[in-house]
Amino acid sequence: MKYDITESFSIQQSGMSIREKLGILADSAKYDVSCTSSGVDRRGDGTGMGNSIAAGICHSFSADGRCISLLKILLTNECIYDCKYCRNRVSNDIERATFTPEEIVTLTMEFYRRNYIEGLFLSSGILRNPSYTMEQIYRTVFLLRNRYHFQGYIHVKAIPGADERLIKQTGFLVDRMSVNLELPTADSLRKLAPNKTRTTILTPMRQIQNGILQNKNELVLYQHAPHFVSGGQSTQMIIGATPESDYQIMSVAESLYQKFRLKRVFYSAYIQVNQDKDLPALPGGPPLLREHRLYQADFLMRFYGFEAKELLSESRPNFNVLLDPKADWALRHLELFPVEINKAEYEMLLRIPGIGVKGARKIVKARRGCNLTFEHLKKLNISLKRALYFITCNGKMMYPTKLEEDYIARNLINTGERLPFDADGVTYKQLSLFDTSLFPEEQSWRQVVNA
C-alpha cells in the first residue's frame, strides 16, 4: 500500500489542514524563480540533521534546469499590497492560507527525513505589515536551526520595509537571502506596484551586502564567528510586464552586480494571471524566448567579461531572437575575426561562439604542449559547428568560409539551438512533491524558428 506522507500531519488552523495549506501555498510560490542553491560549503557537525555542500544540494532538475529538491512555499498568500501583476494581491478573490512557523518546521523536517528535499525556500506575501511577516520568517528558521538542529540549506526572502534587526538576525541563520527588485525601473514600479518604492527595496539589499562584507572581516579575526548569509544574495525582475528594452534591463542587472555584489539576477517572464488595463496582453503567451536571451546575456556579463554596452545600445536596444547574444556580438564585430586559436588571449577565446569557459581553459592548457589543430579541438569537445566561422588553426580555417555577416548568420541559424522549453512552451511549472510524472522533452531551436 502506498504511504501518503501527509497522513501523519494532523495540525489544523482555521479549519484548514496542513495538506490543504501546502497545496495552496506551494502553488502560489511557483512564480518566484530565484530559488537556486548557493554552493555553500557547510557540512553537518554530527549534532543535527542535514548539511549544505559546495557542489550544490540538488538531486534532480526540471526540464529547464531549475532545482526541484527544495521545499518551495510561501509563509502566506495573504497580502496587504495590491501589485497589479501579482496573483496574491489584496484585491484578488482567491483562496487564502497561512502557515504557522511550527507547521513549516514540521513539513521541512518530515520531508527531509523521507529524502524528498534537502532544503527550504521560504517567501511570503505581506501579512499585517512587513515587520510582522519578517518576524514569522525569523521564528521559522530559528526553530529549524535551534530547536530541531536542521543544518540543511535555507533560502528566505528579506521583506522590504521590515525592521533591520529582524533581517540581521535572520541573516545569521540562513544560507541565502534575496530581495525581489520586482520591476526594472522605478517608473514601472510606481505604475504597477504603488505600495512599493525602489528605495524601500534597495535598503535591505544594501543592508545584506554590508552585513556580508562585515562578516567576512569578522571571520578573518575570529574563525568561529557565526556566518551571515554565506551564500550571498540574489534578486528577481519580471520581464515583459512593462516596456523596458533589453538594454535597460541588462544595464540594471549590471549595476546590481557591481553595486550590491549579487550572486544572481533572475529574469521571470511575465505571466498573465490578472486582468488590468495597465498590464500588457500576451496573445503569444509569456515572453519565454526573451527571458532565455536575457539569461544568456547575463552569463556573458558574469563569466565572459562582457559589458551591457557591448551587447546592446540605445540605437539597438533589444536582442536578436534568432541568435544567441554572443554569436550576435561576433557577427557585428567581424573585424576581430578570425582568431588564431594558438595565439589568442584567454579573454578573446571566451568571445568566440562555440567556446565556453571550460573550453577556453582546455585550449590554453593544451596548446602549451603543441600547436593545436581542428582535430585537437574536436577531442577537446569544442563546438566547431559554431566556432569554425571565427577561428584559424596554424593560420588556416577549417573550410573555405566567407567572412560575411549574412552568410554566417544563415549557417548559425540552420545549425540549431536547444531552448529550455517544455512541450507546452512553459518554463514556470513547479514540480509537485506529490507528482511523479516526468517533464516533456525540450523543444528544439529549429522547431521554434519554423513555428
Protein backbone atom coordinates (compact mmCIF):
# COMPACT_ATOMS: atom_id res chain seq x y z
CA MET A 1 0.00 0.00 0.00
CA LYS A 2 1.39 3.42 -0.99
CA TYR A 3 2.22 5.62 2.00
CA ASP A 4 0.86 9.16 1.95
CA ILE A 5 3.27 11.48 3.74
CA THR A 6 0.51 13.89 4.74
CA GLU A 7 -1.36 11.24 6.70
CA SER A 8 0.95 11.99 9.64
CA PHE A 9 0.20 15.76 9.55
CA SER A 10 -2.75 16.50 11.79
CA ILE A 11 -2.11 20.18 12.52
CA GLN A 12 -5.22 22.28 11.92
CA GLN A 13 -5.67 26.04 11.70
CA SER A 14 -8.89 27.85 10.90
CA GLY A 15 -10.45 24.60 9.75
CA MET A 16 -7.76 24.01 7.10
CA SER A 17 -5.37 21.06 7.24
CA ILE A 18 -1.65 21.41 6.67
CA ARG A 19 -2.01 19.43 3.44
CA GLU A 20 -4.63 21.86 2.11
CA LYS A 21 -2.37 24.78 3.01
CA LEU A 22 0.56 23.08 1.31
CA GLY A 23 -1.43 22.74 -1.91
CA ILE A 24 -2.34 26.44 -1.88
CA LEU A 25 0.98 27.92 -0.75
CA ALA A 26 3.25 25.68 -2.85
CA ASP A 27 1.20 26.60 -5.92
CA SER A 28 1.42 30.30 -5.05
CA ALA A 29 5.22 30.06 -4.74
CA LYS A 30 5.80 28.73 -8.27
CA TYR A 31 6.05 32.22 -9.80
CA ASP A 32 9.20 33.05 -7.82
CA VAL A 33 12.14 31.70 -9.84
CA SER A 34 15.03 32.88 -7.65
CA CYS A 35 15.28 29.69 -5.63
CA THR A 36 18.56 28.05 -6.68
CA SER A 37 21.03 26.62 -4.20
CA SER A 38 24.01 28.72 -3.23
CA GLY A 39 27.02 26.44 -3.27
CA VAL A 40 27.51 26.87 0.47
CA ASP A 41 30.17 24.57 1.89
CA ARG A 42 28.89 23.69 5.35
CA ARG A 43 28.87 20.07 6.45
CA GLY A 44 26.87 18.80 9.39
CA ASP A 45 28.69 18.65 12.71
CA GLY A 46 27.05 15.41 13.83
CA THR A 47 24.77 17.06 16.37
CA GLY A 48 21.93 17.96 13.99
CA MET A 49 20.27 16.89 10.78
CA GLY A 50 21.46 17.68 7.25
CA ASN A 51 24.25 19.69 5.66
CA SER A 52 24.90 22.00 2.72
CA ILE A 53 27.82 21.18 0.43
CA ALA A 54 29.67 23.32 -2.11
CA ALA A 55 28.64 21.24 -5.11
CA GLY A 56 25.00 22.22 -4.57
CA ILE A 57 22.16 20.44 -2.84
CA CYS A 58 20.09 19.34 -5.78
CA HIS A 59 19.43 15.72 -6.67
CA SER A 60 17.31 16.48 -9.74
CA PHE A 61 16.32 19.30 -12.07
CA SER A 62 13.30 20.19 -14.13
CA ALA A 63 13.49 20.30 -17.92
CA ASP A 64 14.58 23.96 -17.85
CA GLY A 65 17.42 23.26 -15.40
CA ARG A 66 15.63 24.51 -12.32
CA CYS A 67 16.23 22.91 -8.93
CA ILE A 68 13.33 20.83 -7.67
CA SER A 69 14.64 19.41 -4.41
CA LEU A 70 13.85 22.44 -2.26
CA LEU A 71 10.60 22.70 -0.36
CA LYS A 72 9.44 25.89 -2.08
CA ILE A 73 6.49 27.53 -0.33
CA LEU A 74 5.05 30.81 0.88
CA LEU A 75 4.50 31.55 4.54
CA THR A 76 1.23 33.12 3.41
CA ASN A 77 -0.51 34.24 0.25
CA GLU A 78 -2.34 36.90 2.22
CA CYS A 79 -1.04 40.33 1.23
CA ILE A 80 -1.83 43.92 2.15
CA TYR A 81 -0.39 45.20 -1.17
CA ASP A 82 -2.18 45.50 -4.50
CA CYS A 83 0.55 44.94 -7.11
CA LYS A 84 -1.26 44.69 -10.43
CA TYR A 85 0.80 41.78 -11.78
CA CYS A 86 0.61 39.60 -8.66
CA ARG A 87 -1.85 36.75 -8.22
CA ASN A 88 -1.81 37.23 -4.44
CA ARG A 89 -2.70 40.93 -4.49
CA VAL A 90 -5.23 42.07 -1.90
CA SER A 91 -7.95 42.83 -4.49
CA ASN A 92 -7.99 39.29 -5.92
CA ASP A 93 -10.68 36.90 -4.78
CA ILE A 94 -8.60 33.73 -4.29
CA GLU A 95 -8.37 31.06 -1.63
CA ARG A 96 -6.04 32.25 1.13
CA ALA A 97 -3.92 30.32 3.59
CA THR A 98 -1.22 30.98 6.16
CA PHE A 99 1.27 28.57 7.70
CA THR A 100 2.35 28.88 11.29
CA PRO A 101 6.13 28.66 11.81
CA GLU A 102 5.59 25.32 13.55
CA GLU A 103 3.76 23.93 10.51
CA ILE A 104 6.60 24.89 8.16
CA VAL A 105 9.09 23.29 10.54
CA THR A 106 7.02 20.10 10.59
CA LEU A 107 6.82 19.98 6.80
CA THR A 108 10.53 20.65 6.33
CA MET A 109 11.68 18.05 8.85
CA GLU A 110 9.25 15.37 7.69
CA PHE A 111 10.05 15.85 4.01
CA TYR A 112 13.76 15.87 4.79
CA ARG A 113 13.59 12.66 6.80
CA ARG A 114 11.96 10.98 3.82
CA ASN A 115 14.70 12.31 1.50
CA TYR A 116 12.19 14.29 -0.57
CA ILE A 117 14.09 17.56 -0.11
CA GLU A 118 17.41 18.84 1.11
CA GLY A 119 16.49 22.41 1.88
CA LEU A 120 13.86 25.11 2.25
CA PHE A 121 12.98 28.11 0.09
CA LEU A 122 10.60 30.37 2.01
CA SER A 123 8.94 33.50 0.64
CA SER A 124 5.76 35.28 1.67
CA GLY A 125 3.06 37.78 0.95
CA ILE A 126 2.88 40.70 3.36
CA LEU A 127 0.75 39.75 6.36
CA ARG A 128 -0.33 42.68 8.59
CA ASN A 129 2.89 44.61 7.92
CA PRO A 130 6.47 43.91 6.73
CA SER A 131 7.98 43.57 10.21
CA TYR A 132 5.33 41.09 11.38
CA THR A 133 5.89 38.98 8.26
CA MET A 134 9.68 39.06 8.71
CA GLU A 135 9.24 38.10 12.36
CA GLN A 136 7.30 34.98 11.33
CA ILE A 137 10.01 34.03 8.83
CA TYR A 138 12.67 34.57 11.50
CA ARG A 139 10.77 32.43 14.01
CA THR A 140 10.52 29.64 11.43
CA VAL A 141 14.25 29.48 10.69
CA PHE A 142 15.09 29.97 14.38
CA LEU A 143 13.04 26.89 15.28
CA LEU A 144 14.60 24.87 12.46
CA ARG A 145 18.16 25.76 13.40
CA ASN A 146 18.00 25.87 17.20
CA ARG A 147 15.18 23.60 18.35
CA TYR A 148 15.32 20.95 15.60
CA HIS A 149 19.01 21.45 14.70
CA PHE A 150 18.37 21.43 10.96
CA GLN A 151 21.68 22.02 9.17
CA GLY A 152 20.40 21.83 5.59
CA TYR A 153 20.14 24.67 3.11
CA ILE A 154 17.72 27.55 3.81
CA HIS A 155 16.93 30.45 1.47
CA VAL A 156 14.43 33.12 2.58
CA LYS A 157 13.15 36.41 1.30
CA ALA A 158 14.05 39.58 3.13
CA ILE A 159 10.89 41.68 3.34
CA PRO A 160 11.37 45.32 2.23
CA GLY A 161 10.28 47.72 4.95
CA ALA A 162 10.85 45.24 7.79
CA ASP A 163 12.81 46.09 10.93
CA GLU A 164 16.54 45.92 10.15
CA ARG A 165 17.20 43.93 13.34
CA LEU A 166 14.91 41.13 12.14
CA ILE A 167 16.69 40.96 8.79
CA LYS A 168 20.07 40.86 10.54
CA GLN A 169 19.01 38.13 12.96
CA THR A 170 17.57 36.07 10.12
CA GLY A 171 20.77 36.51 8.09
CA PHE A 172 22.80 34.67 10.73
CA LEU A 173 20.51 31.63 10.41
CA VAL A 174 20.13 31.21 6.63
CA ASP A 175 22.40 30.39 3.70
CA ARG A 176 20.98 32.84 1.20
CA MET A 177 18.62 35.82 1.23
CA SER A 178 17.00 37.61 -1.66
CA VAL A 179 15.08 40.82 -2.14
CA ASN A 180 12.96 40.96 -5.28
CA LEU A 181 13.53 44.09 -7.35
CA GLU A 182 10.15 43.24 -8.95
CA LEU A 183 10.37 45.57 -11.98
CA PRO A 184 13.40 47.04 -13.78
CA THR A 185 12.71 50.76 -13.23
CA ALA A 186 11.24 53.00 -10.57
CA ASP A 187 8.65 54.36 -13.03
CA SER A 188 7.32 50.86 -13.72
CA LEU A 189 7.22 50.14 -10.00
CA ARG A 190 5.12 53.26 -9.37
CA LYS A 191 2.73 52.24 -12.13
CA LEU A 192 2.20 48.56 -11.29
CA ALA A 193 3.19 48.31 -7.61
CA PRO A 194 2.11 51.59 -6.00
CA ASN A 195 2.72 50.29 -2.45
CA LYS A 196 6.42 49.65 -3.15
CA THR A 197 9.31 52.02 -3.83
CA ARG A 198 12.79 51.45 -5.22
CA THR A 199 14.32 52.92 -2.03
CA THR A 200 12.40 50.50 0.20
CA ILE A 201 13.58 47.55 -1.91
CA LEU A 202 17.23 48.61 -2.15
CA THR A 203 17.56 49.37 1.59
CA PRO A 204 17.53 45.71 2.79
CA MET A 205 19.64 44.76 -0.24
CA ARG A 206 22.32 47.22 0.89
CA GLN A 207 21.98 46.04 4.49
CA ILE A 208 22.60 42.43 3.47
CA GLN A 209 25.59 43.43 1.34
CA ASN A 210 27.14 45.40 4.20
CA GLY A 211 26.44 42.56 6.61
CA ILE A 212 28.21 40.05 4.33
CA LEU A 213 31.29 42.29 3.99
CA GLN A 214 31.43 42.94 7.74
CA ASN A 215 31.04 39.24 8.47
CA LYS A 216 33.95 38.34 6.16
CA ASN A 217 36.20 40.66 8.16
CA GLU A 218 34.99 39.16 11.43
CA LEU A 219 35.68 35.62 10.16
CA VAL A 220 39.28 36.61 9.42
CA LEU A 221 39.76 37.66 13.04
CA TYR A 222 37.51 35.10 14.69
CA GLN A 223 37.26 31.75 12.90
CA HIS A 224 34.28 30.62 14.97
CA ALA A 225 32.20 33.76 14.38
CA PRO A 226 28.70 32.98 13.03
CA HIS A 227 28.26 33.20 9.26
CA PHE A 228 25.98 35.87 7.81
CA VAL A 229 24.22 34.91 4.54
CA SER A 230 27.26 32.87 3.48
CA GLY A 231 25.65 32.00 0.12
CA GLY A 232 25.17 35.65 -0.84
CA GLN A 233 22.01 37.36 -2.06
CA SER A 234 20.01 37.36 -5.27
CA THR A 235 17.07 39.19 -6.79
CA GLN A 236 14.39 38.80 -9.45
CA MET A 237 12.93 41.05 -12.15
CA ILE A 238 9.65 40.50 -14.01
CA ILE A 239 10.22 40.76 -17.76
CA GLY A 240 7.57 41.85 -20.24
CA ALA A 241 5.03 43.45 -17.92
CA THR A 242 6.48 46.90 -18.63
CA PRO A 243 8.03 48.45 -21.77
CA GLU A 244 11.73 48.48 -20.79
CA SER A 245 14.13 47.37 -23.50
CA ASP A 246 16.63 44.54 -23.12
CA TYR A 247 19.37 47.17 -22.94
CA GLN A 248 17.69 48.87 -19.95
CA ILE A 249 17.20 45.52 -18.20
CA MET A 250 20.80 44.40 -18.71
CA SER A 251 22.09 47.80 -17.57
CA VAL A 252 20.07 47.46 -14.35
CA ALA A 253 21.39 43.94 -13.81
CA GLU A 254 24.97 45.07 -14.43
CA SER A 255 24.56 47.87 -11.91
CA LEU A 256 23.18 45.45 -9.30
CA TYR A 257 26.16 43.11 -9.76
CA GLN A 258 28.61 45.98 -9.41
CA LYS A 259 26.98 47.92 -6.57
CA PHE A 260 25.45 45.13 -4.47
CA ARG A 261 27.71 42.16 -5.32
CA LEU A 262 24.70 39.95 -6.04
CA LYS A 263 25.21 36.27 -6.76
CA ARG A 264 22.41 36.11 -9.31
CA VAL A 265 19.82 38.25 -11.02
CA PHE A 266 16.85 36.16 -12.13
CA TYR A 267 14.58 37.10 -15.01
CA SER A 268 10.97 35.95 -14.82
CA ALA A 269 8.88 36.13 -17.99
CA TYR A 270 5.63 37.92 -17.18
CA ILE A 271 2.70 35.53 -16.82
CA GLN A 272 -0.77 36.99 -17.21
CA VAL A 273 -2.63 35.99 -14.05
CA ASN A 274 -4.69 39.19 -13.65
CA GLN A 275 -6.80 41.36 -15.93
CA ASP A 276 -5.87 45.03 -15.71
CA LYS A 277 -5.76 47.94 -18.14
CA ASP A 278 -2.15 48.69 -17.17
CA LEU A 279 -0.96 45.16 -17.95
CA PRO A 280 0.02 44.03 -21.45
CA ALA A 281 -1.98 41.49 -23.42
CA LEU A 282 0.04 38.37 -24.21
CA PRO A 283 -1.62 36.62 -27.17
CA GLY A 284 1.53 34.57 -27.72
CA GLY A 285 1.96 33.63 -24.06
CA PRO A 286 4.81 34.59 -21.70
CA PRO A 287 7.93 36.06 -23.41
CA LEU A 288 10.00 32.93 -22.75
CA LEU A 289 12.45 33.36 -25.62
CA ARG A 290 13.23 36.88 -24.42
CA GLU A 291 13.80 35.53 -20.91
CA HIS A 292 16.17 32.94 -22.37
CA ARG A 293 18.21 35.58 -24.23
CA LEU A 294 18.48 37.68 -21.07
CA TYR A 295 19.85 34.71 -19.14
CA GLN A 296 22.39 34.05 -21.91
CA ALA A 297 23.49 37.70 -21.80
CA ASP A 298 23.65 37.58 -18.02
CA PHE A 299 26.09 34.66 -18.23
CA LEU A 300 28.20 36.64 -20.70
CA MET A 301 28.48 39.50 -18.21
CA ARG A 302 29.22 37.28 -15.21
CA PHE A 303 31.63 34.75 -16.73
CA TYR A 304 32.81 36.00 -20.13
CA GLY A 305 33.88 39.58 -19.44
CA PHE A 306 31.19 41.33 -21.49
CA GLU A 307 29.58 44.63 -20.56
CA ALA A 308 25.97 45.56 -21.25
CA LYS A 309 27.03 48.35 -23.61
CA GLU A 310 28.94 45.83 -25.75
CA LEU A 311 25.92 43.61 -26.23
CA LEU A 312 23.30 46.31 -26.82
CA SER A 313 22.97 50.06 -27.20
CA GLU A 314 20.37 52.85 -27.30
CA SER A 315 20.24 52.50 -31.09
CA ARG A 316 20.00 48.71 -30.90
CA PRO A 317 18.13 48.10 -27.62
CA ASN A 318 16.87 44.51 -27.98
CA PHE A 319 18.45 41.10 -28.57
CA ASN A 320 18.17 39.23 -31.85
CA VAL A 321 15.66 36.44 -31.20
CA LEU A 322 17.23 34.23 -33.88
CA LEU A 323 20.79 34.25 -32.49
CA ASP A 324 22.28 33.94 -29.04
CA PRO A 325 23.83 37.23 -27.79
CA LYS A 326 27.42 36.00 -28.11
CA ALA A 327 27.05 34.96 -31.77
CA ASP A 328 25.18 38.18 -32.49
CA TRP A 329 28.03 40.22 -30.97
CA ALA A 330 30.61 38.30 -33.01
CA LEU A 331 28.70 38.94 -36.25
CA ARG A 332 28.68 42.67 -35.51
CA HIS A 333 32.46 42.62 -34.90
CA LEU A 334 33.76 40.53 -37.76
CA GLU A 335 36.79 42.85 -37.95
CA LEU A 336 38.14 40.97 -34.89
CA PHE A 337 37.91 37.58 -36.60
CA PRO A 338 39.15 35.04 -37.50
CA VAL A 339 41.12 34.43 -34.28
CA GLU A 340 44.22 32.23 -34.29
CA ILE A 341 43.48 29.57 -31.69
CA ASN A 342 47.15 29.02 -30.83
CA LYS A 343 47.90 32.67 -30.06
CA ALA A 344 44.70 34.32 -28.84
CA GLU A 345 44.48 35.57 -25.26
CA TYR A 346 42.16 33.71 -22.90
CA GLU A 347 39.80 36.70 -22.78
CA MET A 348 39.46 36.64 -26.58
CA LEU A 349 38.89 32.89 -26.64
CA LEU A 350 35.88 33.45 -24.40
CA ARG A 351 34.36 35.70 -27.04
CA ILE A 352 34.40 33.08 -29.79
CA PRO A 353 30.96 31.47 -30.40
CA GLY A 354 31.09 27.78 -29.54
CA ILE A 355 33.85 28.16 -26.93
CA GLY A 356 32.81 28.33 -23.29
CA VAL A 357 34.77 28.89 -20.08
CA LYS A 358 35.81 25.24 -19.77
CA GLY A 359 36.68 25.04 -23.46
CA ALA A 360 38.86 28.16 -23.29
CA ARG A 361 40.74 26.78 -20.29
CA LYS A 362 41.29 23.47 -22.08
CA ILE A 363 42.69 25.27 -25.12
CA VAL A 364 45.09 27.40 -23.08
CA LYS A 365 46.35 24.32 -21.23
CA ALA A 366 46.59 22.05 -24.29
CA ARG A 367 48.46 24.50 -26.55
CA ARG A 368 51.36 24.66 -24.09
CA GLY A 369 52.46 21.27 -25.39
CA CYS A 370 51.75 21.58 -29.12
CA ASN A 371 50.19 23.62 -31.88
CA LEU A 372 46.51 22.77 -31.85
CA THR A 373 44.69 21.58 -34.95
CA PHE A 374 40.97 21.23 -35.61
CA GLU A 375 41.28 17.54 -34.75
CA HIS A 376 42.67 18.52 -31.36
CA LEU A 377 39.73 20.89 -30.84
CA LYS A 378 37.28 18.11 -31.61
CA LYS A 379 38.91 15.96 -28.92
CA LEU A 380 38.59 18.88 -26.51
CA ASN A 381 34.81 18.89 -27.24
CA ILE A 382 34.85 22.38 -28.76
CA SER A 383 31.65 23.12 -30.73
CA LEU A 384 33.25 23.54 -34.14
CA LYS A 385 29.91 23.80 -35.93
CA ARG A 386 29.69 27.28 -34.38
CA ALA A 387 33.35 28.18 -33.89
CA LEU A 388 34.64 27.26 -37.36
CA TYR A 389 33.50 30.60 -38.84
CA PHE A 390 35.56 32.59 -36.33
CA ILE A 391 38.87 30.72 -35.83
CA THR A 392 42.01 29.52 -37.55
CA CYS A 393 44.44 26.80 -36.55
CA ASN A 394 48.02 27.48 -37.64
CA GLY A 395 46.78 30.20 -39.95
CA LYS A 396 44.14 28.11 -41.76
CA MET A 397 40.36 27.95 -41.43
CA MET A 398 38.62 24.58 -41.17
CA TYR A 399 36.79 25.11 -44.50
CA PRO A 400 36.84 27.87 -47.11
CA THR A 401 34.41 30.29 -45.46
CA LYS A 402 33.13 33.71 -46.44
CA LEU A 403 33.56 36.18 -43.61
CA GLU A 404 30.21 37.83 -44.31
CA GLU A 405 27.55 38.58 -41.71
CA ASP A 406 24.53 37.30 -43.66
CA TYR A 407 26.26 34.12 -44.79
CA ILE A 408 27.47 33.18 -41.28
CA ALA A 409 24.13 34.15 -39.68
CA ARG A 410 22.19 31.84 -42.03
CA ASN A 411 24.51 28.95 -41.26
CA LEU A 412 24.39 29.50 -37.49
CA ILE A 413 20.58 29.58 -37.54
CA ASN A 414 20.48 26.36 -39.57
CA THR A 415 22.86 24.73 -37.09
CA GLY A 416 20.10 24.85 -34.49
CA GLU A 417 19.95 25.71 -30.81
CA ARG A 418 18.35 23.94 -27.88
CA LEU A 419 15.98 26.07 -25.83
CA PRO A 420 14.80 25.30 -22.28
CA PHE A 421 11.09 24.95 -23.15
CA ASP A 422 8.86 22.01 -22.48
CA ALA A 423 6.33 20.77 -25.00
CA ASP A 424 3.79 23.41 -23.98
CA GLY A 425 6.31 26.27 -24.03
CA VAL A 426 6.10 26.64 -20.25
CA THR A 427 9.13 27.23 -18.01
CA TYR A 428 7.47 28.28 -14.77
CA LYS A 429 5.91 24.89 -13.96
CA GLN A 430 6.89 23.73 -10.48
CA LEU A 431 7.14 20.02 -9.78
CA SER A 432 4.70 18.99 -7.08
CA LEU A 433 6.05 16.99 -4.19
CA PHE A 434 3.25 14.53 -4.85
CA ASP A 435 3.71 14.39 -8.63
CA THR A 436 5.77 11.56 -10.11
CA SER A 437 5.20 12.45 -13.77
CA LEU A 438 8.15 13.31 -15.97
CA PHE A 439 8.66 16.63 -17.73
CA PRO A 440 8.10 16.51 -21.51
CA GLU A 441 11.12 16.68 -23.74
CA GLU A 442 12.50 20.07 -24.72
CA GLN A 443 11.60 21.71 -28.00
CA SER A 444 14.46 22.22 -30.35
CA TRP A 445 15.50 25.62 -31.60
CA ARG A 446 14.60 24.52 -35.12
CA GLN A 447 11.00 23.87 -34.06
CA VAL A 448 10.75 27.35 -32.54
CA VAL A 449 12.16 29.06 -35.63
CA ASN A 450 9.90 27.14 -38.00
CA ALA A 451 6.76 27.62 -35.90
